[in-house]
């Protein structure tokens, strides 16, 4: 997963949240952790996302 793929995925999740579509717990967690990372001038990596998905299954 490239940085561009990650950015597109985050944007899609933000769009779903804004349009009040139902998000899974995993998707909400990814968005929340992304917001935390941004507040610390960091970015989520594919490894972070795969770790979240693994533990949320």
C-alpha atoms as a PDB file:
ATOM      1  CA  UNK A   1       0.000   0.000   0.000  1.00  0.00           C
ATOM      2  CA  UNK A   2       1.551   3.290  -1.074  1.00  0.00           C
ATOM      3  CA  UNK A   3       1.207   6.639   0.670  1.00  0.00           C
ATOM      4  CA  UNK A   4      -1.188   7.672  -2.104  1.00  0.00           C
ATOM      5  CA  UNK A   5      -3.340   4.584  -1.456  1.00  0.00           C
ATOM      6  CA  UNK A   6      -3.419   5.369   2.255  1.00  0.00           C
ATOM      7  CA  UNK A   7      -4.385   8.996   1.627  1.00  0.00           C
ATOM      8  CA  UNK A   8      -7.173   7.903  -0.733  1.00  0.00           C
ATOM      9  CA  UNK A   9      -8.462   5.373   1.794  1.00  0.00           C
ATOM     10  CA  UNK A  10      -8.509   8.006   4.564  1.00  0.00           C
ATOM     11  CA  UNK A  11     -10.308  10.467   2.277  1.00  0.00           C
ATOM     12  CA  UNK A  12     -12.908   7.822   1.412  1.00  0.00           C
ATOM     13  CA  UNK A  13     -13.465   7.082   5.105  1.00  0.00           C
ATOM     14  CA  UNK A  14     -13.826  10.811   5.831  1.00  0.00           C
ATOM     15  CA  UNK A  15     -16.345  11.093   2.986  1.00  0.00           C
ATOM     16  CA  UNK A  16     -18.336   8.161   4.389  1.00  0.00           C
ATOM     17  CA  UNK A  17     -18.326   9.725   7.858  1.00  0.00           C
ATOM     18  CA  UNK A  18     -19.391  13.131   6.500  1.00  0.00           C
ATOM     19  CA  UNK A  19     -22.290  11.609   4.559  1.00  0.00           C
ATOM     20  CA  UNK A  20     -23.282   9.705   7.705  1.00  0.00           C
ATOM     21  CA  UNK A  21     -22.757   6.299   6.098  1.00  0.00           C
ATOM     22  CA  UNK A  22     -22.238   3.462   8.531  1.00  0.00           C
ATOM     23  CA  UNK A  23     -18.578   2.811   9.341  1.00  0.00           C
ATOM     24  CA  UNK A  24     -17.161  -0.333  10.893  1.00  0.00           C
ATOM     25  CA  UNK A  25     -15.312  -0.212  14.198  1.00  0.00           C
ATOM     26  CA  UNK A  26     -12.088  -0.814  12.270  1.00  0.00           C
ATOM     27  CA  UNK A  27     -12.758   2.135   9.942  1.00  0.00           C
ATOM     28  CA  UNK A  28     -13.564   4.413  12.871  1.00  0.00           C
ATOM     29  CA  UNK A  29     -10.386   3.324  14.638  1.00  0.00           C
ATOM     30  CA  UNK A  30      -8.296   4.052  11.542  1.00  0.00           C
ATOM     31  CA  UNK A  31      -9.808   7.543  11.308  1.00  0.00           C
ATOM     32  CA  UNK A  32      -9.264   8.233  15.011  1.00  0.00           C
ATOM     33  CA  UNK A  33      -5.654   7.051  14.965  1.00  0.00           C
ATOM     34  CA  UNK A  34      -5.050   9.044  11.789  1.00  0.00           C
ATOM     35  CA  UNK A  35      -6.281  12.182  13.590  1.00  0.00           C
ATOM     36  CA  UNK A  36      -3.959  11.473  16.511  1.00  0.00           C
ATOM     37  CA  UNK A  37      -1.038  10.907  14.144  1.00  0.00           C
ATOM     38  CA  UNK A  38      -1.771  14.176  12.323  1.00  0.00           C
ATOM     39  CA  UNK A  39      -1.824  16.082  15.613  1.00  0.00           C
ATOM     40  CA  UNK A  40       1.700  14.772  16.253  1.00  0.00           C
ATOM     41  CA  UNK A  41       2.882  15.547  12.695  1.00  0.00           C
ATOM     42  CA  UNK A  42       3.013  11.857  11.809  1.00  0.00           C
ATOM     43  CA  UNK A  43       1.346   9.729   9.136  1.00  0.00           C
ATOM     44  CA  UNK A  44      -0.209   6.298   9.247  1.00  0.00           C
ATOM     45  CA  UNK A  45       1.706   3.624   7.396  1.00  0.00           C
ATOM     46  CA  UNK A  46       0.452   0.480   5.722  1.00  0.00           C
ATOM     47  CA  UNK A  47       1.965  -1.429   8.632  1.00  0.00           C
ATOM     48  CA  UNK A  48      -0.145   0.610  11.086  1.00  0.00           C
ATOM     49  CA  UNK A  49      -3.303  -0.022   9.087  1.00  0.00           C
ATOM     50  CA  UNK A  50      -2.614  -3.744   8.738  1.00  0.00           C
ATOM     51  CA  UNK A  51      -1.995  -3.952  12.493  1.00  0.00           C
ATOM     52  CA  UNK A  52      -5.311  -2.214  13.228  1.00  0.00           C
ATOM     53  CA  UNK A  53      -7.180  -4.486  10.805  1.00  0.00           C
ATOM     54  CA  UNK A  54      -5.558  -7.583  12.315  1.00  0.00           C
ATOM     55  CA  UNK A  55      -6.563  -6.696  15.874  1.00  0.00           C
ATOM     56  CA  UNK A  56     -10.040  -5.492  14.953  1.00  0.00           C
ATOM     57  CA  UNK A  57     -11.032  -8.768  13.237  1.00  0.00           C
END
